[in-house]
Amino acid sequence: MKDTLLSLLGSLGLAFWVKITTDSPTCTYYFGPFSTELEAQDAQSGYCEDLRGEGAQNITVTCERRRRPSELTITEDWGGVRELRGNRLTAIAS
């Protein structure tokens, strides 16, 4: 039921997403969707902790109400492509 609600909210641009930008590496990450802003805010500390553990620096966090981003991780800094699996960033052979 919750997945159906989130899918509907996402298609209408009403779901909340956590947007995290970092300076090193220069990246933008989207985490979500969430049905409420409070739910998104509650989740953001775990995402930041994982990114700090990966060596990210100068982390900025915002919550946005929007449609699903076309890309969940946007960067040009890495030599290969990476994706988020669970709460961990994983390198993918290019």
Protein backbone atom coordinates (compact mmCIF):
# COMPACT_ATOMS: atom_id res chain seq x y z
CA MET A 1 0.00 0.00 0.00
CA LYS A 2 2.80 2.42 0.94
CA ASP A 3 4.64 1.67 -2.32
CA THR A 4 1.50 2.47 -4.29
CA LEU A 5 1.06 5.76 -2.43
CA LEU A 6 4.72 6.73 -3.00
CA SER A 7 4.43 5.83 -6.67
CA LEU A 8 1.37 8.04 -7.02
CA LEU A 9 2.99 10.92 -5.09
CA GLY A 10 6.12 10.57 -7.23
CA SER A 11 4.23 10.65 -10.51
CA LEU A 12 2.40 13.79 -9.39
CA GLY A 13 5.60 15.47 -8.18
CA LEU A 14 4.36 15.42 -4.59
CA ALA A 15 6.90 13.01 -3.05
CA PHE A 16 9.77 14.32 -0.95
CA TRP A 17 13.39 13.58 -1.87
CA VAL A 18 16.57 14.19 0.09
CA LYS A 19 19.07 16.03 -2.13
CA ILE A 20 22.68 15.86 -0.97
CA THR A 21 25.50 17.70 -2.70
CA THR A 22 29.19 17.25 -1.96
CA ASP A 23 32.26 19.19 -3.09
CA SER A 24 34.70 16.29 -2.94
CA PRO A 25 33.76 14.39 -4.95
CA THR A 26 31.58 16.87 -6.79
CA CYS A 27 28.28 14.99 -6.68
CA THR A 28 24.55 15.35 -6.30
CA TYR A 29 22.68 12.44 -4.72
CA TYR A 30 18.93 11.94 -4.47
CA PHE A 31 17.41 9.64 -1.85
CA GLY A 32 13.72 8.82 -1.66
CA PRO A 33 10.90 8.94 -2.28
CA PHE A 34 9.31 9.82 1.06
CA SER A 35 5.66 10.56 1.73
CA THR A 36 6.37 13.42 4.18
CA GLU A 37 9.09 15.99 4.66
CA LEU A 38 9.58 14.79 8.25
CA GLU A 39 10.21 11.24 7.03
CA ALA A 40 12.81 12.57 4.57
CA GLN A 41 14.49 14.68 7.26
CA ASP A 42 14.63 11.71 9.63
CA ALA A 43 16.46 9.64 6.99
CA GLN A 44 19.03 12.23 5.92
CA SER A 45 21.50 11.76 8.80
CA GLY A 46 22.08 8.13 7.85
CA TYR A 47 22.77 9.08 4.24
CA CYS A 48 25.23 11.79 5.31
CA GLU A 49 27.00 9.38 7.66
CA ASP A 50 27.45 6.87 4.83
CA LEU A 51 28.79 9.55 2.48
CA ARG A 52 31.23 10.79 5.15
CA GLY A 53 32.39 7.19 5.53
CA GLU A 54 33.06 7.16 1.78
CA GLY A 55 35.21 10.30 2.17
CA ALA A 56 32.74 12.92 0.93
CA GLN A 57 33.44 16.49 2.05
CA ASN A 58 31.41 19.72 2.33
CA ILE A 59 28.03 17.99 2.45
CA THR A 60 24.89 20.09 1.92
CA VAL A 61 21.42 18.61 2.48
CA THR A 62 17.99 19.81 1.36
CA CYS A 63 14.55 18.21 1.14
CA GLU A 64 12.64 18.78 -2.08
CA ARG A 65 9.12 17.98 -3.17
CA ARG A 66 9.50 16.79 -6.75
CA ARG A 67 9.11 14.01 -9.30
CA ARG A 68 11.60 11.16 -9.32
CA PRO A 69 14.95 12.45 -10.59
CA SER A 70 16.09 10.87 -13.86
CA GLU A 71 19.48 10.15 -12.22
CA LEU A 72 19.90 9.39 -8.52
CA THR A 73 23.67 10.06 -8.50
CA ILE A 74 25.12 12.80 -10.69
CA THR A 75 28.90 13.24 -10.96
CA GLU A 76 31.77 13.60 -13.34
CA ASP A 77 34.49 13.08 -10.71
CA TRP A 78 34.68 9.28 -10.66
CA GLY A 79 36.62 7.23 -13.17
CA GLY A 80 33.84 4.63 -13.28
CA VAL A 81 30.13 4.64 -12.70
CA ARG A 82 28.82 4.12 -9.17
CA GLU A 83 25.38 3.37 -7.90
CA LEU A 84 23.76 3.30 -4.53
CA ARG A 85 22.84 -0.17 -3.29
CA GLY A 86 21.04 -0.08 0.00
CA ASN A 87 23.00 2.47 2.01
CA ARG A 88 26.36 1.81 0.33
CA LEU A 89 27.96 3.29 -2.75
CA THR A 90 29.25 0.53 -5.01
CA ALA A 91 31.70 0.85 -7.90
CA ILE A 92 30.57 -0.71 -11.17
CA ALA A 93 33.11 -1.76 -13.76
CA SER A 94 32.95 0.57 -16.74
